[in-house]
Amino acid sequence: MELRYKIWLDQDGKAFGVGPSDILKRVDRLNSLSKAAREINMSYSQAWGLINNLEARLGFKLLEREVGGSYGGGSSLTADAHKLIRQYDDFLQEADRELKDLFKKHFDKN
């Protein structure tokens, strides 16, 4: 047997989890929501819907948007988005250690 779990933050519905964290990290690396969405085979409109929904639930902006121009615009993470990703990653690492210890305590009784 092995431990499997999912952890997300909820605020009147799913507000943040592994998937949103992943797409934001891709936006940070690529400076583009469009390119980030393409990498995970998500439509651009789905990606915008996801970001808008997250921002509404969280109550703060995740992306700074730069419209058009000769380089076609782009997106970058806000300071709040960087902080949220860092907090979420730190929380997941600690939760993983604790959950593995609990699993071992209750199920690994050789």
N, C-alpha and C. Protein backbone atom coordinates (compact mmCIF):
# COMPACT_ATOMS: atom_id res chain seq x y z
N MET A 1 0.83 -1.18 0.00
CA MET A 1 0.00 0.00 0.00
C MET A 1 0.88 1.25 0.00
N GLU A 2 0.39 2.30 -0.62
CA GLU A 2 1.09 3.56 -0.60
C GLU A 2 0.10 4.69 -0.40
N LEU A 3 0.60 5.79 0.10
CA LEU A 3 -0.21 6.96 0.38
C LEU A 3 -0.38 7.81 -0.88
N ARG A 4 -1.61 8.23 -1.14
CA ARG A 4 -1.93 9.15 -2.23
C ARG A 4 -2.85 10.22 -1.65
N TYR A 5 -2.65 11.46 -2.04
CA TYR A 5 -3.50 12.54 -1.54
C TYR A 5 -3.41 13.75 -2.46
N LYS A 6 -4.40 14.63 -2.33
CA LYS A 6 -4.41 15.92 -3.02
C LYS A 6 -4.73 16.98 -1.97
N ILE A 7 -4.04 18.08 -2.06
CA ILE A 7 -4.27 19.19 -1.14
C ILE A 7 -4.50 20.45 -1.96
N TRP A 8 -5.59 21.14 -1.67
CA TRP A 8 -5.84 22.42 -2.31
C TRP A 8 -6.43 23.38 -1.29
N LEU A 9 -6.38 24.65 -1.63
CA LEU A 9 -6.97 25.69 -0.79
C LEU A 9 -8.36 25.98 -1.32
N ASP A 10 -9.30 26.16 -0.42
CA ASP A 10 -10.69 26.34 -0.80
C ASP A 10 -11.21 27.66 -0.24
N GLN A 11 -11.95 28.37 -1.07
CA GLN A 11 -12.62 29.59 -0.63
C GLN A 11 -13.88 29.71 -1.48
N ASP A 12 -14.97 29.18 -0.96
CA ASP A 12 -16.22 29.09 -1.74
C ASP A 12 -15.98 28.32 -3.03
N GLY A 13 -15.23 27.25 -2.95
CA GLY A 13 -14.84 26.46 -4.10
C GLY A 13 -13.33 26.43 -4.18
N LYS A 14 -12.81 25.58 -5.05
CA LYS A 14 -11.36 25.44 -5.16
C LYS A 14 -10.73 26.78 -5.54
N ALA A 15 -9.81 27.24 -4.69
CA ALA A 15 -9.18 28.53 -4.92
C ALA A 15 -7.73 28.39 -5.39
N PHE A 16 -7.06 27.31 -5.01
CA PHE A 16 -5.66 27.15 -5.42
C PHE A 16 -5.21 25.74 -5.15
N GLY A 17 -4.43 25.19 -6.08
CA GLY A 17 -3.92 23.84 -5.92
C GLY A 17 -2.76 23.60 -6.85
N VAL A 18 -2.45 22.35 -7.06
CA VAL A 18 -1.30 21.96 -7.87
C VAL A 18 -1.43 22.47 -9.31
N GLY A 19 -2.59 22.32 -9.90
CA GLY A 19 -2.80 22.75 -11.29
C GLY A 19 -2.60 24.24 -11.48
N PRO A 20 -3.31 25.07 -10.71
CA PRO A 20 -3.10 26.51 -10.83
C PRO A 20 -1.65 26.93 -10.53
N SER A 21 -1.05 26.29 -9.55
CA SER A 21 0.35 26.59 -9.25
C SER A 21 1.23 26.29 -10.46
N ASP A 22 0.98 25.17 -11.10
CA ASP A 22 1.76 24.77 -12.27
C ASP A 22 1.63 25.78 -13.40
N ILE A 23 0.41 26.20 -13.72
CA ILE A 23 0.26 27.13 -14.84
C ILE A 23 0.89 28.48 -14.51
N LEU A 24 0.80 28.92 -13.24
CA LEU A 24 1.43 30.18 -12.88
C LEU A 24 2.96 30.09 -12.97
N LYS A 25 3.52 28.98 -12.59
CA LYS A 25 4.97 28.79 -12.72
C LYS A 25 5.39 28.82 -14.20
N ARG A 26 4.55 28.27 -15.05
CA ARG A 26 4.84 28.29 -16.49
C ARG A 26 4.75 29.72 -17.03
N VAL A 27 3.74 30.46 -16.58
CA VAL A 27 3.62 31.87 -16.99
C VAL A 27 4.88 32.62 -16.56
N ASP A 28 5.34 32.36 -15.35
CA ASP A 28 6.53 33.03 -14.84
C ASP A 28 7.75 32.73 -15.71
N ARG A 29 7.86 31.49 -16.13
CA ARG A 29 9.01 31.07 -16.95
C ARG A 29 8.91 31.59 -18.38
N LEU A 30 7.68 31.60 -18.94
CA LEU A 30 7.48 31.94 -20.35
C LEU A 30 7.04 33.38 -20.60
N ASN A 31 6.64 34.08 -19.53
CA ASN A 31 6.10 35.45 -19.65
C ASN A 31 4.89 35.52 -20.57
N SER A 32 4.09 34.44 -20.54
CA SER A 32 2.94 34.39 -21.43
C SER A 32 1.93 33.36 -20.93
N LEU A 33 0.70 33.80 -20.73
CA LEU A 33 -0.36 32.85 -20.38
C LEU A 33 -0.69 31.96 -21.57
N SER A 34 -0.66 32.53 -22.75
CA SER A 34 -0.95 31.77 -23.96
C SER A 34 0.04 30.61 -24.13
N LYS A 35 1.33 30.89 -23.97
CA LYS A 35 2.34 29.85 -24.11
C LYS A 35 2.25 28.82 -22.99
N ALA A 36 1.95 29.29 -21.79
CA ALA A 36 1.80 28.38 -20.65
C ALA A 36 0.64 27.42 -20.89
N ALA A 37 -0.48 27.97 -21.37
CA ALA A 37 -1.65 27.13 -21.65
C ALA A 37 -1.34 26.12 -22.74
N ARG A 38 -0.65 26.57 -23.78
CA ARG A 38 -0.30 25.69 -24.89
C ARG A 38 0.55 24.51 -24.41
N GLU A 39 1.47 24.76 -23.47
CA GLU A 39 2.33 23.69 -22.96
C GLU A 39 1.55 22.57 -22.30
N ILE A 40 0.40 22.89 -21.72
CA ILE A 40 -0.39 21.86 -21.03
C ILE A 40 -1.67 21.51 -21.80
N ASN A 41 -1.68 21.88 -23.08
CA ASN A 41 -2.82 21.57 -23.96
C ASN A 41 -4.14 22.13 -23.42
N MET A 42 -4.08 23.34 -22.92
CA MET A 42 -5.28 24.04 -22.46
C MET A 42 -5.52 25.20 -23.42
N SER A 43 -6.79 25.46 -23.71
CA SER A 43 -7.07 26.59 -24.59
C SER A 43 -6.79 27.90 -23.85
N TYR A 44 -6.49 28.92 -24.62
CA TYR A 44 -6.20 30.24 -24.05
C TYR A 44 -7.42 30.74 -23.28
N SER A 45 -8.62 30.53 -23.82
CA SER A 45 -9.82 31.01 -23.13
C SER A 45 -10.05 30.25 -21.82
N GLN A 46 -9.74 28.97 -21.80
CA GLN A 46 -9.83 28.20 -20.55
C GLN A 46 -8.84 28.74 -19.52
N ALA A 47 -7.64 29.04 -19.96
CA ALA A 47 -6.61 29.56 -19.06
C ALA A 47 -7.05 30.90 -18.48
N TRP A 48 -7.58 31.79 -19.33
CA TRP A 48 -8.07 33.08 -18.82
C TRP A 48 -9.21 32.87 -17.84
N GLY A 49 -10.11 31.94 -18.15
CA GLY A 49 -11.21 31.65 -17.24
C GLY A 49 -10.71 31.17 -15.89
N LEU A 50 -9.71 30.30 -15.92
CA LEU A 50 -9.12 29.79 -14.68
C LEU A 50 -8.52 30.93 -13.87
N ILE A 51 -7.71 31.76 -14.51
CA ILE A 51 -7.05 32.87 -13.80
C ILE A 51 -8.09 33.84 -13.24
N ASN A 52 -9.07 34.20 -14.04
CA ASN A 52 -10.11 35.13 -13.57
C ASN A 52 -10.88 34.55 -12.38
N ASN A 53 -11.20 33.26 -12.44
CA ASN A 53 -11.90 32.59 -11.35
C ASN A 53 -11.05 32.58 -10.09
N LEU A 54 -9.77 32.23 -10.24
CA LEU A 54 -8.86 32.22 -9.09
C LEU A 54 -8.74 33.60 -8.46
N GLU A 55 -8.56 34.62 -9.30
CA GLU A 55 -8.43 35.97 -8.78
C GLU A 55 -9.68 36.40 -8.02
N ALA A 56 -10.84 36.03 -8.53
CA ALA A 56 -12.09 36.37 -7.86
C ALA A 56 -12.20 35.66 -6.51
N ARG A 57 -11.85 34.39 -6.46
CA ARG A 57 -11.93 33.63 -5.21
C ARG A 57 -10.89 34.10 -4.19
N LEU A 58 -9.69 34.39 -4.66
CA LEU A 58 -8.60 34.77 -3.77
C LEU A 58 -8.68 36.22 -3.32
N GLY A 59 -9.28 37.06 -4.16
CA GLY A 59 -9.42 38.47 -3.81
C GLY A 59 -8.21 39.32 -4.15
N PHE A 60 -7.33 38.81 -5.01
CA PHE A 60 -6.19 39.62 -5.47
C PHE A 60 -5.76 39.15 -6.85
N LYS A 61 -5.04 40.03 -7.54
CA LYS A 61 -4.56 39.74 -8.89
C LYS A 61 -3.38 38.77 -8.86
N LEU A 62 -3.36 37.86 -9.80
CA LEU A 62 -2.25 36.92 -9.96
C LEU A 62 -1.33 37.32 -11.09
N LEU A 63 -1.90 37.95 -12.11
CA LEU A 63 -1.12 38.30 -13.30
C LEU A 63 -1.17 39.79 -13.61
N GLU A 64 -0.03 40.29 -14.04
CA GLU A 64 0.04 41.62 -14.66
C GLU A 64 -0.02 41.35 -16.15
N ARG A 65 -0.94 42.03 -16.84
CA ARG A 65 -1.13 41.78 -18.26
C ARG A 65 -0.59 42.94 -19.08
N GLU A 66 0.14 42.61 -20.13
CA GLU A 66 0.65 43.62 -21.04
C GLU A 66 0.00 43.34 -22.39
N VAL A 67 -0.83 44.26 -22.84
CA VAL A 67 -1.63 44.04 -24.04
C VAL A 67 -0.84 44.40 -25.29
N GLY A 68 -0.94 43.53 -26.29
CA GLY A 68 -0.46 43.77 -27.65
C GLY A 68 0.93 44.35 -27.79
N GLY A 69 1.04 45.29 -28.71
CA GLY A 69 2.33 45.90 -28.99
C GLY A 69 3.09 45.10 -30.03
N SER A 70 4.27 45.56 -30.37
CA SER A 70 5.04 44.90 -31.43
C SER A 70 5.51 43.51 -31.03
N TYR A 71 5.57 43.24 -29.71
CA TYR A 71 6.00 41.91 -29.24
C TYR A 71 4.81 41.03 -28.85
N GLY A 72 3.59 41.51 -29.05
CA GLY A 72 2.41 40.70 -28.82
C GLY A 72 1.95 40.64 -27.37
N GLY A 73 2.46 41.48 -26.50
CA GLY A 73 2.02 41.50 -25.12
C GLY A 73 2.62 40.37 -24.32
N GLY A 74 2.05 40.13 -23.16
CA GLY A 74 2.55 39.07 -22.30
C GLY A 74 1.95 39.17 -20.91
N SER A 75 2.37 38.29 -20.05
CA SER A 75 1.87 38.26 -18.67
C SER A 75 3.03 37.97 -17.74
N SER A 76 2.95 38.55 -16.56
CA SER A 76 3.94 38.26 -15.52
C SER A 76 3.19 38.12 -14.20
N LEU A 77 3.81 37.42 -13.26
CA LEU A 77 3.18 37.19 -11.96
C LEU A 77 3.27 38.43 -11.09
N THR A 78 2.23 38.66 -10.31
CA THR A 78 2.26 39.73 -9.32
C THR A 78 3.07 39.26 -8.11
N ALA A 79 3.43 40.19 -7.26
CA ALA A 79 4.14 39.84 -6.02
C ALA A 79 3.27 38.90 -5.18
N ASP A 80 1.94 39.14 -5.17
CA ASP A 80 1.03 38.27 -4.41
C ASP A 80 1.03 36.85 -4.96
N ALA A 81 1.12 36.70 -6.27
CA ALA A 81 1.15 35.37 -6.88
C ALA A 81 2.44 34.65 -6.50
N HIS A 82 3.56 35.36 -6.56
CA HIS A 82 4.84 34.76 -6.16
C HIS A 82 4.78 34.29 -4.70
N LYS A 83 4.23 35.12 -3.84
CA LYS A 83 4.12 34.78 -2.42
C LYS A 83 3.22 33.56 -2.22
N LEU A 84 2.08 33.53 -2.90
CA LEU A 84 1.15 32.40 -2.77
C LEU A 84 1.80 31.09 -3.22
N ILE A 85 2.49 31.11 -4.34
CA ILE A 85 3.17 29.91 -4.84
C ILE A 85 4.21 29.43 -3.83
N ARG A 86 4.99 30.36 -3.32
CA ARG A 86 6.03 30.01 -2.33
C ARG A 86 5.40 29.41 -1.07
N GLN A 87 4.34 30.04 -0.57
CA GLN A 87 3.67 29.54 0.63
C GLN A 87 3.07 28.15 0.37
N TYR A 88 2.42 27.99 -0.77
CA TYR A 88 1.78 26.73 -1.11
C TYR A 88 2.83 25.61 -1.25
N ASP A 89 3.93 25.90 -1.94
CA ASP A 89 4.99 24.89 -2.09
C ASP A 89 5.58 24.50 -0.75
N ASP A 90 5.85 25.49 0.10
CA ASP A 90 6.39 25.21 1.43
C ASP A 90 5.42 24.37 2.25
N PHE A 91 4.14 24.74 2.18
CA PHE A 91 3.11 24.00 2.91
C PHE A 91 3.03 22.55 2.42
N LEU A 92 3.05 22.36 1.09
CA LEU A 92 2.97 21.01 0.53
C LEU A 92 4.15 20.15 0.97
N GLN A 93 5.35 20.72 0.97
CA GLN A 93 6.53 19.96 1.39
C GLN A 93 6.40 19.51 2.85
N GLU A 94 5.96 20.43 3.70
CA GLU A 94 5.80 20.08 5.11
C GLU A 94 4.67 19.07 5.31
N ALA A 95 3.55 19.28 4.62
CA ALA A 95 2.42 18.36 4.72
C ALA A 95 2.83 16.97 4.23
N ASP A 96 3.61 16.90 3.17
CA ASP A 96 4.07 15.62 2.64
C ASP A 96 4.88 14.86 3.69
N ARG A 97 5.81 15.55 4.34
CA ARG A 97 6.62 14.89 5.38
C ARG A 97 5.73 14.38 6.51
N GLU A 98 4.81 15.21 6.97
CA GLU A 98 3.94 14.84 8.07
C GLU A 98 3.01 13.68 7.70
N LEU A 99 2.43 13.74 6.50
CA LEU A 99 1.53 12.68 6.06
C LEU A 99 2.26 11.36 5.88
N LYS A 100 3.48 11.40 5.38
CA LYS A 100 4.27 10.17 5.24
C LYS A 100 4.59 9.58 6.61
N ASP A 101 4.91 10.43 7.58
CA ASP A 101 5.15 9.94 8.94
C ASP A 101 3.89 9.31 9.53
N LEU A 102 2.75 9.94 9.34
CA LEU A 102 1.49 9.38 9.84
C LEU A 102 1.15 8.06 9.16
N PHE A 103 1.38 8.01 7.86
CA PHE A 103 1.13 6.78 7.12
C PHE A 103 1.99 5.65 7.67
N LYS A 104 3.26 5.96 7.87
CA LYS A 104 4.20 4.97 8.40
C LYS A 104 3.74 4.50 9.79
N LYS A 105 3.35 5.43 10.62
CA LYS A 105 2.90 5.14 11.99
C LYS A 105 1.69 4.20 11.98
N HIS A 106 0.75 4.43 11.09
CA HIS A 106 -0.49 3.67 11.13
C HIS A 106 -0.54 2.45 10.21
N PHE A 107 0.28 2.41 9.18
CA PHE A 107 0.17 1.33 8.22
C PHE A 107 1.44 0.51 8.00
N ASP A 108 2.56 1.01 8.42
CA ASP A 108 3.82 0.30 8.20
C ASP A 108 4.25 -0.37 9.52
N LYS A 109 3.51 -1.38 9.89
CA LYS A 109 3.76 -2.06 11.18
C LYS A 109 4.32 -3.44 10.93
N ASN A 110 5.54 -3.50 10.47
CA ASN A 110 6.17 -4.79 10.15
C ASN A 110 6.25 -5.65 11.35
